[in-house]
């Protein structure tokens, strides 16, 4: 299978009053299309920082993040195009815009890409229906639906521009176990059925069972499981 993410020697240090904190320390691994990579670790282990580096929301101090032959950690990388076209994010706290309907939230990434409005709407409706968000809920404001529904809307939004890579940060962290299982199954389905590269970071070791490749993270260091 085609490697989508090849990470080499990735490091990120933050300064604090207590001194430098090595959030990501010389991390290397690969993640592929059609597979789920799960990174498990406790709070403060560096896994969210790692995910933000992979999605170019943070810049590394050292190392390479190679996607389709391009190092997005390089100074001349087109990070705007990468974030908009190559990668989709799913966050623990959903990050939906409360004032918009669920349909409008999913349309928004396409609007930024200047996709024609009818295509935006049709794509958003199709994705939401796939996630079990019916016509009634598509008209609801994002702050009026349940946590599980919010996360399914967030996954639909992540898929709006048909990215190759889905990065999920604690996607079940605010959900009960049954709802969380539904969300995990959806993410696994995106890898198996849609040939996406799905990377999940989590403290929940129960998610390991869906991973094709699993890693443990502690104190910024990554180790295979």
N, C-alpha and C. Protein backbone atom coordinates (compact mmCIF):
# COMPACT_ATOMS: atom_id res chain seq x y z
N UNK A 1 0.83 -1.20 0.00
CA UNK A 1 0.00 0.00 0.00
C UNK A 1 0.87 1.26 0.00
N UNK A 2 0.35 2.32 -0.56
CA UNK A 2 1.10 3.57 -0.71
C UNK A 2 1.28 4.27 0.64
N UNK A 3 2.51 4.61 0.98
CA UNK A 3 2.75 5.41 2.17
C UNK A 3 2.23 6.81 1.93
N UNK A 4 1.48 7.32 2.86
CA UNK A 4 0.97 8.69 2.76
C UNK A 4 1.74 9.60 3.69
N UNK A 5 2.00 9.15 4.90
CA UNK A 5 2.76 9.92 5.88
C UNK A 5 4.03 9.17 6.23
N UNK A 6 5.16 9.80 6.03
CA UNK A 6 6.44 9.25 6.46
C UNK A 6 7.10 10.29 7.37
N UNK A 7 7.17 9.98 8.64
CA UNK A 7 7.67 10.91 9.64
C UNK A 7 9.07 10.47 10.05
N UNK A 8 10.01 11.42 10.01
CA UNK A 8 11.41 11.09 10.32
C UNK A 8 11.98 12.10 11.33
N UNK A 9 12.36 11.60 12.48
CA UNK A 9 13.09 12.41 13.46
C UNK A 9 12.37 13.68 13.90
N UNK A 10 11.06 13.59 14.06
CA UNK A 10 10.27 14.79 14.36
C UNK A 10 10.41 15.19 15.83
N UNK A 11 10.66 16.48 16.06
CA UNK A 11 10.83 16.98 17.42
C UNK A 11 10.17 18.35 17.57
N UNK A 12 9.64 18.59 18.76
CA UNK A 12 9.03 19.88 19.08
C UNK A 12 9.21 20.15 20.57
N UNK A 13 9.80 21.31 20.88
CA UNK A 13 10.03 21.71 22.27
C UNK A 13 9.31 23.03 22.54
N UNK A 14 8.66 23.08 23.71
CA UNK A 14 7.98 24.31 24.15
C UNK A 14 8.72 24.87 25.36
N UNK A 15 8.75 26.18 25.44
CA UNK A 15 9.37 26.83 26.59
C UNK A 15 8.32 27.09 27.66
N UNK A 16 8.69 26.87 28.91
CA UNK A 16 7.80 27.15 30.04
C UNK A 16 8.62 27.78 31.16
N UNK A 17 7.94 28.25 32.19
CA UNK A 17 8.65 28.86 33.33
C UNK A 17 9.56 27.86 34.01
N UNK A 18 9.16 26.58 33.95
CA UNK A 18 9.96 25.53 34.59
C UNK A 18 11.12 25.06 33.71
N UNK A 19 11.16 25.56 32.47
CA UNK A 19 12.20 25.14 31.54
C UNK A 19 11.62 24.58 30.26
N UNK A 20 12.47 24.11 29.40
CA UNK A 20 12.03 23.55 28.12
C UNK A 20 11.31 22.22 28.32
N UNK A 21 10.21 22.04 27.56
CA UNK A 21 9.45 20.79 27.60
C UNK A 21 9.51 20.15 26.23
N UNK A 22 10.05 18.95 26.15
CA UNK A 22 10.15 18.22 24.88
C UNK A 22 8.84 17.47 24.64
N UNK A 23 7.93 18.10 23.91
CA UNK A 23 6.61 17.51 23.68
C UNK A 23 6.66 16.35 22.71
N UNK A 24 7.49 16.48 21.67
CA UNK A 24 7.69 15.41 20.67
C UNK A 24 9.19 15.26 20.52
N UNK A 25 9.68 14.03 20.74
CA UNK A 25 11.12 13.81 20.86
C UNK A 25 11.59 12.74 19.88
N UNK A 26 12.10 13.18 18.74
CA UNK A 26 12.72 12.29 17.75
C UNK A 26 11.77 11.15 17.33
N UNK A 27 10.59 11.52 16.88
CA UNK A 27 9.55 10.55 16.52
C UNK A 27 9.66 10.19 15.03
N UNK A 28 9.60 8.89 14.74
CA UNK A 28 9.60 8.40 13.36
C UNK A 28 8.57 7.27 13.23
N UNK A 29 7.76 7.33 12.18
CA UNK A 29 6.83 6.24 11.87
C UNK A 29 6.24 6.49 10.48
N UNK A 30 5.49 5.50 9.99
CA UNK A 30 4.79 5.62 8.71
C UNK A 30 3.32 5.30 8.90
N UNK A 31 2.48 5.95 8.10
CA UNK A 31 1.05 5.66 8.09
C UNK A 31 0.60 5.60 6.64
N UNK A 32 -0.32 4.68 6.34
CA UNK A 32 -0.67 4.40 4.95
C UNK A 32 -2.16 4.57 4.68
N UNK A 33 -2.46 4.78 3.41
CA UNK A 33 -3.86 4.80 2.97
C UNK A 33 -4.48 3.42 3.16
N UNK A 34 -5.76 3.40 3.50
CA UNK A 34 -6.47 2.15 3.70
C UNK A 34 -6.25 1.54 5.06
N UNK A 35 -5.52 2.25 5.94
CA UNK A 35 -5.20 1.71 7.25
C UNK A 35 -5.47 2.73 8.35
N UNK A 36 -5.65 2.20 9.57
CA UNK A 36 -5.83 3.03 10.76
C UNK A 36 -4.58 2.91 11.62
N UNK A 37 -3.98 4.03 11.94
CA UNK A 37 -2.85 4.08 12.87
C UNK A 37 -3.33 4.70 14.17
N UNK A 38 -3.16 3.97 15.27
CA UNK A 38 -3.61 4.44 16.58
C UNK A 38 -2.40 4.73 17.45
N UNK A 39 -2.40 5.92 18.04
CA UNK A 39 -1.34 6.33 18.96
C UNK A 39 -1.99 6.57 20.32
N UNK A 40 -1.63 5.76 21.29
CA UNK A 40 -2.27 5.84 22.60
C UNK A 40 -1.27 6.33 23.64
N UNK A 41 -1.75 7.13 24.57
CA UNK A 41 -0.88 7.63 25.62
C UNK A 41 -1.68 8.50 26.58
N UNK A 42 -1.15 8.75 27.77
CA UNK A 42 -1.86 9.56 28.75
C UNK A 42 -1.84 11.04 28.39
N UNK A 43 -2.63 11.80 29.11
CA UNK A 43 -2.62 13.25 28.94
C UNK A 43 -1.22 13.79 29.20
N UNK A 44 -0.77 14.69 28.33
CA UNK A 44 0.54 15.29 28.49
C UNK A 44 1.67 14.49 27.88
N UNK A 45 1.35 13.40 27.18
CA UNK A 45 2.40 12.56 26.61
C UNK A 45 2.96 13.12 25.30
N UNK A 46 2.27 14.09 24.71
CA UNK A 46 2.73 14.71 23.48
C UNK A 46 1.95 14.29 22.24
N UNK A 47 0.94 13.45 22.42
CA UNK A 47 0.26 12.90 21.24
C UNK A 47 -0.55 13.96 20.49
N UNK A 48 -1.17 14.91 21.18
CA UNK A 48 -1.90 15.96 20.47
C UNK A 48 -0.94 16.89 19.74
N UNK A 49 0.19 17.21 20.36
CA UNK A 49 1.20 18.01 19.66
C UNK A 49 1.67 17.29 18.41
N UNK A 50 1.89 15.99 18.50
CA UNK A 50 2.30 15.22 17.32
C UNK A 50 1.26 15.33 16.22
N UNK A 51 -0.02 15.20 16.58
CA UNK A 51 -1.08 15.28 15.57
C UNK A 51 -1.10 16.67 14.93
N UNK A 52 -0.90 17.71 15.75
CA UNK A 52 -0.91 19.07 15.22
C UNK A 52 0.28 19.30 14.29
N UNK A 53 1.40 18.65 14.57
CA UNK A 53 2.53 18.73 13.65
C UNK A 53 2.20 18.05 12.33
N UNK A 54 1.56 16.88 12.40
CA UNK A 54 1.20 16.16 11.18
C UNK A 54 0.24 16.97 10.32
N UNK A 55 -0.61 17.76 10.97
CA UNK A 55 -1.59 18.56 10.24
C UNK A 55 -1.14 19.97 9.95
N UNK A 56 0.09 20.29 10.28
CA UNK A 56 0.73 21.60 10.06
C UNK A 56 0.05 22.71 10.87
N UNK A 57 -0.61 22.36 11.97
CA UNK A 57 -1.11 23.38 12.89
C UNK A 57 -0.02 23.86 13.84
N UNK A 58 1.03 23.07 13.96
CA UNK A 58 2.25 23.46 14.66
C UNK A 58 3.43 23.18 13.73
N UNK A 59 4.53 23.91 13.94
CA UNK A 59 5.74 23.71 13.14
C UNK A 59 6.78 22.97 13.98
N UNK A 60 7.42 21.94 13.42
CA UNK A 60 8.42 21.20 14.18
C UNK A 60 9.73 21.99 14.31
N UNK A 61 10.49 21.65 15.33
CA UNK A 61 11.84 22.20 15.48
C UNK A 61 12.83 21.44 14.62
N UNK A 62 12.56 20.17 14.39
CA UNK A 62 13.44 19.33 13.59
C UNK A 62 12.63 18.17 13.02
N UNK A 63 13.14 17.59 11.95
CA UNK A 63 12.52 16.41 11.38
C UNK A 63 11.79 16.67 10.08
N UNK A 64 11.25 15.59 9.51
CA UNK A 64 10.55 15.64 8.23
C UNK A 64 9.17 15.02 8.37
N UNK A 65 8.21 15.57 7.61
CA UNK A 65 6.86 15.00 7.48
C UNK A 65 6.59 14.91 5.99
N UNK A 66 6.81 13.76 5.42
CA UNK A 66 6.75 13.60 3.97
C UNK A 66 5.40 13.04 3.57
N UNK A 67 4.69 13.77 2.70
CA UNK A 67 3.42 13.32 2.17
C UNK A 67 3.47 13.41 0.65
N UNK A 68 3.27 12.27 0.00
CA UNK A 68 3.29 12.23 -1.47
C UNK A 68 4.56 12.88 -2.02
N UNK A 69 5.69 12.59 -1.37
CA UNK A 69 6.97 13.07 -1.85
C UNK A 69 7.34 14.48 -1.44
N UNK A 70 6.46 15.18 -0.73
CA UNK A 70 6.74 16.56 -0.30
C UNK A 70 6.92 16.60 1.20
N UNK A 71 7.96 17.29 1.65
CA UNK A 71 8.20 17.48 3.07
C UNK A 71 7.45 18.73 3.52
N UNK A 72 6.35 18.54 4.25
CA UNK A 72 5.55 19.71 4.67
C UNK A 72 6.21 20.46 5.82
N UNK A 73 7.26 19.88 6.38
CA UNK A 73 8.02 20.58 7.41
C UNK A 73 9.07 21.51 6.81
N UNK A 74 9.27 21.43 5.51
CA UNK A 74 10.25 22.29 4.85
C UNK A 74 9.76 23.74 4.78
N UNK A 75 10.69 24.66 4.74
CA UNK A 75 10.35 26.09 4.78
C UNK A 75 9.50 26.53 3.61
N UNK A 76 9.66 25.89 2.44
CA UNK A 76 8.95 26.33 1.25
C UNK A 76 7.68 25.52 0.97
N UNK A 77 7.24 24.70 1.92
CA UNK A 77 6.05 23.88 1.72
C UNK A 77 4.78 24.75 1.66
N UNK A 78 3.84 24.35 0.81
CA UNK A 78 2.56 25.06 0.67
C UNK A 78 1.59 24.50 1.72
N UNK A 79 1.66 25.05 2.92
CA UNK A 79 0.88 24.49 4.03
C UNK A 79 -0.61 24.80 3.91
N UNK A 80 -0.95 25.92 3.29
CA UNK A 80 -2.37 26.24 3.12
C UNK A 80 -3.04 25.21 2.23
N UNK A 81 -2.41 24.88 1.11
CA UNK A 81 -2.97 23.87 0.21
C UNK A 81 -3.03 22.51 0.90
N UNK A 82 -2.00 22.18 1.68
CA UNK A 82 -1.97 20.91 2.40
C UNK A 82 -3.15 20.81 3.36
N UNK A 83 -3.36 21.84 4.18
CA UNK A 83 -4.44 21.81 5.18
C UNK A 83 -5.81 21.76 4.51
N UNK A 84 -5.96 22.44 3.39
CA UNK A 84 -7.28 22.53 2.76
C UNK A 84 -7.62 21.31 1.91
N UNK A 85 -6.61 20.68 1.31
CA UNK A 85 -6.89 19.63 0.32
C UNK A 85 -6.48 18.23 0.77
N UNK A 86 -5.40 18.14 1.53
CA UNK A 86 -4.83 16.83 1.83
C UNK A 86 -5.29 16.24 3.16
N UNK A 87 -5.67 17.11 4.10
CA UNK A 87 -5.89 16.62 5.47
C UNK A 87 -7.22 17.13 6.02
N UNK A 88 -7.90 16.26 6.80
CA UNK A 88 -9.12 16.63 7.50
C UNK A 88 -8.96 16.35 8.98
N UNK A 89 -9.45 17.25 9.82
CA UNK A 89 -9.30 17.13 11.27
C UNK A 89 -10.62 16.76 11.94
N UNK A 90 -10.50 15.90 12.98
CA UNK A 90 -11.62 15.60 13.87
C UNK A 90 -11.11 15.87 15.28
N UNK A 91 -11.75 16.81 15.98
CA UNK A 91 -11.27 17.25 17.29
C UNK A 91 -12.12 16.70 18.43
N UNK A 92 -11.52 16.61 19.62
CA UNK A 92 -12.23 16.13 20.79
C UNK A 92 -13.44 17.00 21.10
N UNK A 93 -13.28 18.32 20.97
CA UNK A 93 -14.35 19.24 21.33
C UNK A 93 -15.12 19.72 20.09
N UNK A 94 -15.06 18.96 19.03
CA UNK A 94 -15.87 19.10 17.82
C UNK A 94 -15.50 20.31 16.97
N UNK A 95 -15.34 21.49 17.61
CA UNK A 95 -14.97 22.73 16.91
C UNK A 95 -15.94 23.10 15.80
N UNK A 96 -17.22 22.81 16.02
CA UNK A 96 -18.24 23.27 15.09
C UNK A 96 -18.59 24.73 15.38
N UNK A 97 -19.10 25.42 14.38
CA UNK A 97 -19.53 26.81 14.56
C UNK A 97 -21.00 26.80 14.99
N UNK A 98 -21.24 27.20 16.24
CA UNK A 98 -22.56 27.06 16.85
C UNK A 98 -23.65 27.82 16.11
N UNK A 99 -23.31 28.96 15.52
CA UNK A 99 -24.31 29.78 14.87
C UNK A 99 -24.76 29.22 13.52
N UNK A 100 -24.02 28.24 13.00
CA UNK A 100 -24.36 27.64 11.71
C UNK A 100 -25.12 26.34 11.90
N UNK A 101 -25.89 25.96 10.90
CA UNK A 101 -26.53 24.66 10.93
C UNK A 101 -25.48 23.57 10.69
N UNK A 102 -25.86 22.34 10.94
CA UNK A 102 -24.93 21.24 10.68
C UNK A 102 -24.57 21.20 9.19
N UNK A 103 -25.54 21.43 8.34
CA UNK A 103 -25.28 21.44 6.89
C UNK A 103 -24.29 22.54 6.54
N UNK A 104 -24.47 23.74 7.09
CA UNK A 104 -23.58 24.86 6.80
C UNK A 104 -22.17 24.60 7.31
N UNK A 105 -22.04 23.90 8.45
CA UNK A 105 -20.73 23.56 8.97
C UNK A 105 -19.95 22.68 8.01
N UNK A 106 -20.64 21.73 7.39
CA UNK A 106 -19.98 20.83 6.45
C UNK A 106 -19.70 21.52 5.13
N UNK A 107 -20.54 22.47 4.75
CA UNK A 107 -20.32 23.22 3.52
C UNK A 107 -19.14 24.18 3.62
N UNK A 108 -18.81 24.63 4.83
CA UNK A 108 -17.83 25.70 5.02
C UNK A 108 -16.46 25.40 4.40
N UNK A 109 -15.86 24.21 4.61
CA UNK A 109 -14.55 23.97 3.98
C UNK A 109 -14.60 24.04 2.46
N UNK A 110 -15.73 23.64 1.88
CA UNK A 110 -15.87 23.71 0.43
C UNK A 110 -16.05 25.14 -0.03
N UNK A 111 -16.72 25.95 0.78
CA UNK A 111 -16.89 27.36 0.45
C UNK A 111 -15.53 28.07 0.41
N UNK A 112 -14.66 27.74 1.36
CA UNK A 112 -13.32 28.31 1.39
C UNK A 112 -12.55 27.94 0.13
N UNK A 113 -12.84 26.76 -0.42
CA UNK A 113 -12.19 26.29 -1.64
C UNK A 113 -12.91 26.77 -2.91
N UNK A 114 -13.92 27.63 -2.73
CA UNK A 114 -14.67 28.20 -3.86
C UNK A 114 -15.39 27.13 -4.69
N UNK A 115 -15.83 26.07 -4.03
CA UNK A 115 -16.65 25.06 -4.70
C UNK A 115 -18.02 25.68 -4.98
N UNK A 116 -18.61 25.47 -6.16
CA UNK A 116 -19.93 26.04 -6.45
C UNK A 116 -20.97 25.64 -5.40
N UNK A 117 -21.84 26.58 -5.05
CA UNK A 117 -22.79 26.38 -3.96
C UNK A 117 -23.66 25.12 -4.12
N UNK A 118 -24.20 24.84 -5.30
CA UNK A 118 -25.01 23.61 -5.42
C UNK A 118 -24.21 22.34 -5.12
N UNK A 119 -22.95 22.32 -5.56
CA UNK A 119 -22.09 21.16 -5.28
C UNK A 119 -21.78 21.07 -3.79
N UNK A 120 -21.52 22.22 -3.16
CA UNK A 120 -21.31 22.23 -1.71
C UNK A 120 -22.48 21.57 -0.99
N UNK A 121 -23.66 22.00 -1.33
CA UNK A 121 -24.86 21.53 -0.65
C UNK A 121 -25.08 20.03 -0.88
N UNK A 122 -24.94 19.59 -2.12
CA UNK A 122 -25.17 18.18 -2.44
C UNK A 122 -24.14 17.29 -1.75
N UNK A 123 -22.89 17.72 -1.75
CA UNK A 123 -21.84 16.93 -1.09
C UNK A 123 -22.06 16.88 0.41
N UNK A 124 -22.40 18.03 1.01
CA UNK A 124 -22.63 18.08 2.45
C UNK A 124 -23.82 17.20 2.86
N UNK A 125 -24.89 17.25 2.09
CA UNK A 125 -26.05 16.43 2.39
C UNK A 125 -25.70 14.94 2.30
N UNK A 126 -24.96 14.58 1.28
CA UNK A 126 -24.57 13.16 1.11
C UNK A 126 -23.70 12.69 2.27
N UNK A 127 -22.72 13.51 2.66
CA UNK A 127 -21.85 13.12 3.76
C UNK A 127 -22.61 13.02 5.08
N UNK A 128 -23.49 13.97 5.33
CA UNK A 128 -24.26 13.93 6.57
C UNK A 128 -25.21 12.75 6.62
N UNK A 129 -25.84 12.45 5.50
CA UNK A 129 -26.72 11.28 5.45
C UNK A 129 -25.93 10.01 5.73
N UNK A 130 -24.72 9.94 5.19
CA UNK A 130 -23.86 8.77 5.44
C UNK A 130 -23.54 8.64 6.93
N UNK A 131 -23.42 9.77 7.62
CA UNK A 131 -23.11 9.76 9.04
C UNK A 131 -24.35 9.61 9.92
N UNK A 132 -25.51 9.42 9.29
CA UNK A 132 -26.74 9.25 10.06
C UNK A 132 -27.37 10.54 10.53
N UNK A 133 -27.00 11.65 9.90
CA UNK A 133 -27.57 12.96 10.23
C UNK A 133 -28.66 13.24 9.21
N UNK A 134 -29.92 13.10 9.62
CA UNK A 134 -31.03 13.19 8.68
C UNK A 134 -31.38 14.63 8.32
N UNK A 135 -32.37 14.80 7.47
CA UNK A 135 -32.73 16.13 6.95
C UNK A 135 -33.10 17.09 8.06
N UNK A 136 -33.78 16.59 9.10
CA UNK A 136 -34.17 17.46 10.22
C UNK A 136 -32.94 17.98 10.95
N UNK A 137 -32.01 17.09 11.24
CA UNK A 137 -30.80 17.50 11.96
C UNK A 137 -29.89 18.36 11.09
N UNK A 138 -29.97 18.22 9.78
CA UNK A 138 -29.16 19.05 8.90
C UNK A 138 -29.57 20.52 8.99
N UNK A 139 -30.80 20.78 9.41
CA UNK A 139 -31.29 22.15 9.55
C UNK A 139 -31.06 22.71 10.95
N UNK A 140 -30.65 21.84 11.88
CA UNK A 140 -30.47 22.26 13.27
C UNK A 140 -29.16 23.01 13.45
N UNK A 141 -29.17 23.98 14.37
CA UNK A 141 -27.92 24.66 14.73
C UNK A 141 -27.00 23.67 15.42
N UNK A 142 -25.71 23.85 15.24
CA UNK A 142 -24.73 22.90 15.76
C UNK A 142 -24.76 22.78 17.28
N UNK A 143 -25.21 23.83 17.97
CA UNK A 143 -25.25 23.77 19.43
C UNK A 143 -26.53 23.15 19.97
N UNK A 144 -27.38 22.65 19.09
CA UNK A 144 -28.66 22.07 19.50
C UNK A 144 -28.70 20.56 19.34
N UNK A 145 -27.58 19.94 19.01
CA UNK A 145 -27.57 18.51 18.80
C UNK A 145 -26.68 17.83 19.84
N UNK A 146 -26.78 16.52 19.96
CA UNK A 146 -26.05 15.78 20.99
C UNK A 146 -24.56 15.70 20.66
N UNK A 147 -23.77 15.25 21.65
CA UNK A 147 -22.34 15.13 21.45
C UNK A 147 -21.99 14.14 20.35
N UNK A 148 -22.68 13.00 20.33
CA UNK A 148 -22.42 12.02 19.29
C UNK A 148 -22.75 12.55 17.91
N UNK A 149 -23.85 13.30 17.82
CA UNK A 149 -24.24 13.91 16.55
C UNK A 149 -23.22 14.96 16.12
N UNK A 150 -22.73 15.74 17.08
CA UNK A 150 -21.71 16.74 16.77
C UNK A 150 -20.46 16.09 16.19
N UNK A 151 -20.05 14.96 16.79
CA UNK A 151 -18.82 14.33 16.29
C UNK A 151 -19.03 13.75 14.91
N UNK A 152 -20.22 13.22 14.63
CA UNK A 152 -20.50 12.70 13.29
C UNK A 152 -20.53 13.84 12.26
N UNK A 153 -21.06 14.99 12.66
CA UNK A 153 -21.02 16.17 11.79
C UNK A 153 -19.56 16.59 11.56
N UNK A 154 -18.75 16.54 12.63
CA UNK A 154 -17.34 16.92 12.50
C UNK A 154 -16.60 15.99 11.54
N UNK A 155 -16.94 14.71 11.55
CA UNK A 155 -16.31 13.77 10.62
C UNK A 155 -16.74 14.09 9.20
N UNK A 156 -18.02 14.39 9.01
CA UNK A 156 -18.50 14.78 7.68
C UNK A 156 -17.76 16.02 7.19
N UNK A 157 -17.58 16.98 8.08
CA UNK A 157 -16.84 18.21 7.71
C UNK A 157 -15.40 17.87 7.33
N UNK A 158 -14.77 16.97 8.07
CA UNK A 158 -13.40 16.57 7.77
C UNK A 158 -13.29 15.95 6.39
N UNK A 159 -14.37 15.33 5.93
CA UNK A 159 -14.37 14.66 4.63
C UNK A 159 -14.80 15.57 3.49
N UNK A 160 -15.17 16.81 3.79
CA UNK A 160 -15.82 17.68 2.81
C UNK A 160 -14.99 17.87 1.54
N UNK A 161 -13.69 18.05 1.68
CA UNK A 161 -12.83 18.27 0.51
C UNK A 161 -12.11 17.00 0.07
N UNK A 162 -12.64 15.85 0.50
CA UNK A 162 -12.13 14.54 0.11
C UNK A 162 -10.62 14.42 0.34
N UNK A 163 -10.16 14.63 1.59
CA UNK A 163 -8.72 14.59 1.87
C UNK A 163 -8.19 13.15 1.85
N UNK A 164 -6.90 13.02 1.72
CA UNK A 164 -6.25 11.71 1.78
C UNK A 164 -6.03 11.26 3.22
N UNK A 165 -5.89 12.23 4.13
CA UNK A 165 -5.50 11.96 5.51
C UNK A 165 -6.56 12.49 6.46
N UNK A 166 -6.99 11.66 7.42
CA UNK A 166 -7.90 12.08 8.48
C UNK A 166 -7.14 11.98 9.80
N UNK A 167 -7.04 13.08 10.52
CA UNK A 167 -6.36 13.14 11.81
C UNK A 167 -7.40 13.35 12.90
N UNK A 168 -7.49 12.41 13.83
CA UNK A 168 -8.53 12.46 14.87
C UNK A 168 -7.87 12.57 16.25
N UNK A 169 -8.18 13.66 16.95
CA UNK A 169 -7.60 13.93 18.27
C UNK A 169 -8.63 13.59 19.34
N UNK A 170 -8.42 12.50 20.08
CA UNK A 170 -9.33 12.06 21.15
C UNK A 170 -10.78 12.12 20.66
N UNK A 171 -11.12 11.45 19.56
CA UNK A 171 -12.46 11.59 18.98
C UNK A 171 -13.59 11.05 19.85
N UNK A 172 -13.27 10.22 20.86
CA UNK A 172 -14.31 9.70 21.75
C UNK A 172 -14.23 10.32 23.14
N UNK A 173 -13.37 11.30 23.32
CA UNK A 173 -13.09 11.84 24.65
C UNK A 173 -14.29 12.44 25.35
N UNK A 174 -15.27 12.97 24.61
CA UNK A 174 -16.44 13.60 25.21
C UNK A 174 -17.71 12.79 24.98
N UNK A 175 -17.55 11.50 24.70
CA UNK A 175 -18.70 10.66 24.36
C UNK A 175 -18.80 9.48 25.31
N UNK A 176 -20.03 8.97 25.49
CA UNK A 176 -20.19 7.73 26.25
C UNK A 176 -19.64 6.57 25.42
N UNK A 177 -19.47 5.42 26.06
CA UNK A 177 -18.78 4.31 25.40
C UNK A 177 -19.49 3.81 24.16
N UNK A 178 -20.83 3.74 24.21
CA UNK A 178 -21.58 3.23 23.05
C UNK A 178 -21.48 4.20 21.88
N UNK A 179 -21.63 5.49 22.14
CA UNK A 179 -21.53 6.49 21.08
C UNK A 179 -20.10 6.56 20.55
N UNK A 180 -19.14 6.44 21.46
CA UNK A 180 -17.74 6.45 21.05
C UNK A 180 -17.42 5.30 20.11
N UNK A 181 -18.03 4.15 20.37
CA UNK A 181 -17.78 3.00 19.51
C UNK A 181 -18.30 3.25 18.09
N UNK A 182 -19.44 3.91 17.98
CA UNK A 182 -19.99 4.26 16.67
C UNK A 182 -19.02 5.16 15.92
N UNK A 183 -18.48 6.15 16.61
CA UNK A 183 -17.55 7.09 16.00
C UNK A 183 -16.27 6.38 15.54
N UNK A 184 -15.76 5.48 16.37
CA UNK A 184 -14.55 4.74 16.00
C UNK A 184 -14.81 3.87 14.77
N UNK A 185 -15.96 3.22 14.74
CA UNK A 185 -16.30 2.38 13.58
C UNK A 185 -16.41 3.21 12.31
N UNK A 186 -16.94 4.43 12.43
CA UNK A 186 -17.03 5.31 11.26
C UNK A 186 -15.63 5.66 10.76
N UNK A 187 -14.74 6.02 11.67
CA UNK A 187 -13.37 6.37 11.28
C UNK A 187 -12.66 5.18 10.64
N UNK A 188 -12.85 4.00 11.21
CA UNK A 188 -12.24 2.80 10.62
C UNK A 188 -12.81 2.55 9.23
N UNK A 189 -14.11 2.82 9.05
CA UNK A 189 -14.73 2.65 7.74
C UNK A 189 -14.16 3.58 6.69
N UNK A 190 -13.77 4.78 7.11
CA UNK A 190 -13.17 5.72 6.16
C UNK A 190 -11.84 5.18 5.63
N UNK A 191 -11.11 4.47 6.48
CA UNK A 191 -9.86 3.85 6.02
C UNK A 191 -10.14 2.67 5.11
N UNK A 192 -10.99 1.75 5.57
CA UNK A 192 -11.22 0.50 4.84
C UNK A 192 -12.01 0.70 3.54
N UNK A 193 -13.05 1.54 3.61
CA UNK A 193 -13.97 1.69 2.48
C UNK A 193 -13.59 2.84 1.55
N UNK A 194 -13.00 3.90 2.11
CA UNK A 194 -12.69 5.09 1.31
C UNK A 194 -11.20 5.23 1.03
N UNK A 195 -10.42 4.27 1.51
CA UNK A 195 -8.97 4.27 1.28
C UNK A 195 -8.30 5.52 1.83
N UNK A 196 -8.75 5.96 3.00
CA UNK A 196 -8.12 7.11 3.65
C UNK A 196 -7.03 6.63 4.60
N UNK A 197 -6.08 7.50 4.84
CA UNK A 197 -5.09 7.29 5.89
C UNK A 197 -5.65 7.92 7.16
N UNK A 198 -5.99 7.09 8.14
CA UNK A 198 -6.61 7.58 9.37
C UNK A 198 -5.63 7.43 10.52
N UNK A 199 -5.33 8.54 11.20
CA UNK A 199 -4.47 8.53 12.38
C UNK A 199 -5.29 9.02 13.57
N UNK A 200 -5.38 8.17 14.59
CA UNK A 200 -6.15 8.50 15.80
C UNK A 200 -5.19 8.59 16.97
N UNK A 201 -5.23 9.69 17.72
CA UNK A 201 -4.51 9.76 18.99
C UNK A 201 -5.54 9.76 20.11
N UNK A 202 -5.25 8.99 21.16
CA UNK A 202 -6.25 8.75 22.20
C UNK A 202 -5.60 8.26 23.49
N UNK A 203 -6.31 8.43 24.59
CA UNK A 203 -5.90 7.80 25.84
C UNK A 203 -6.62 6.47 26.04
N UNK A 204 -7.61 6.18 25.18
CA UNK A 204 -8.48 5.02 25.32
C UNK A 204 -7.87 3.80 24.63
N UNK A 205 -7.36 2.87 25.41
CA UNK A 205 -6.71 1.69 24.83
C UNK A 205 -7.71 0.76 24.13
N UNK A 206 -9.01 0.95 24.38
CA UNK A 206 -10.01 0.16 23.69
C UNK A 206 -10.02 0.40 22.19
N UNK A 207 -9.51 1.56 21.75
CA UNK A 207 -9.48 1.90 20.33
C UNK A 207 -8.39 1.11 19.60
N UNK A 208 -7.45 0.55 20.35
CA UNK A 208 -6.35 -0.18 19.73
C UNK A 208 -6.84 -1.32 18.84
N UNK A 209 -8.00 -1.88 19.14
CA UNK A 209 -8.48 -3.04 18.39
C UNK A 209 -8.80 -2.72 16.94
N UNK A 210 -9.02 -1.45 16.60
CA UNK A 210 -9.30 -1.11 15.19
C UNK A 210 -8.03 -0.72 14.44
N UNK A 211 -6.91 -0.64 15.14
CA UNK A 211 -5.69 -0.17 14.51
C UNK A 211 -4.98 -1.25 13.70
N UNK A 212 -4.55 -0.88 12.52
CA UNK A 212 -3.65 -1.75 11.75
C UNK A 212 -2.23 -1.63 12.28
N UNK A 213 -1.91 -0.45 12.80
CA UNK A 213 -0.61 -0.20 13.42
C UNK A 213 -0.87 0.61 14.68
N UNK A 214 -0.22 0.21 15.77
CA UNK A 214 -0.46 0.86 17.06
C UNK A 214 0.86 1.26 17.71
N UNK A 215 0.82 2.43 18.34
CA UNK A 215 2.01 2.97 19.01
C UNK A 215 1.62 3.48 20.39
N UNK A 216 2.60 3.47 21.28
CA UNK A 216 2.42 4.07 22.60
C UNK A 216 3.29 5.32 22.69
N UNK A 217 2.74 6.38 23.27
CA UNK A 217 3.50 7.62 23.41
C UNK A 217 3.60 7.99 24.88
N UNK A 218 4.80 8.33 25.30
CA UNK A 218 5.06 8.72 26.68
C UNK A 218 6.22 9.69 26.69
N UNK A 219 6.02 10.85 27.32
CA UNK A 219 7.08 11.86 27.44
C UNK A 219 7.68 12.23 26.09
N UNK A 220 6.82 12.30 25.08
CA UNK A 220 7.23 12.73 23.75
C UNK A 220 7.87 11.67 22.89
N UNK A 221 8.05 10.48 23.42
CA UNK A 221 8.69 9.39 22.67
C UNK A 221 7.64 8.39 22.20
N UNK A 222 7.84 7.89 20.99
CA UNK A 222 6.90 6.94 20.39
C UNK A 222 7.55 5.57 20.32
N UNK A 223 6.76 4.54 20.69
CA UNK A 223 7.25 3.17 20.59
C UNK A 223 6.16 2.29 20.03
N UNK A 224 6.53 1.31 19.18
CA UNK A 224 5.57 0.40 18.58
C UNK A 224 5.01 -0.53 19.64
N UNK A 225 3.75 -0.96 19.45
CA UNK A 225 3.11 -1.88 20.39
C UNK A 225 2.95 -3.25 19.73
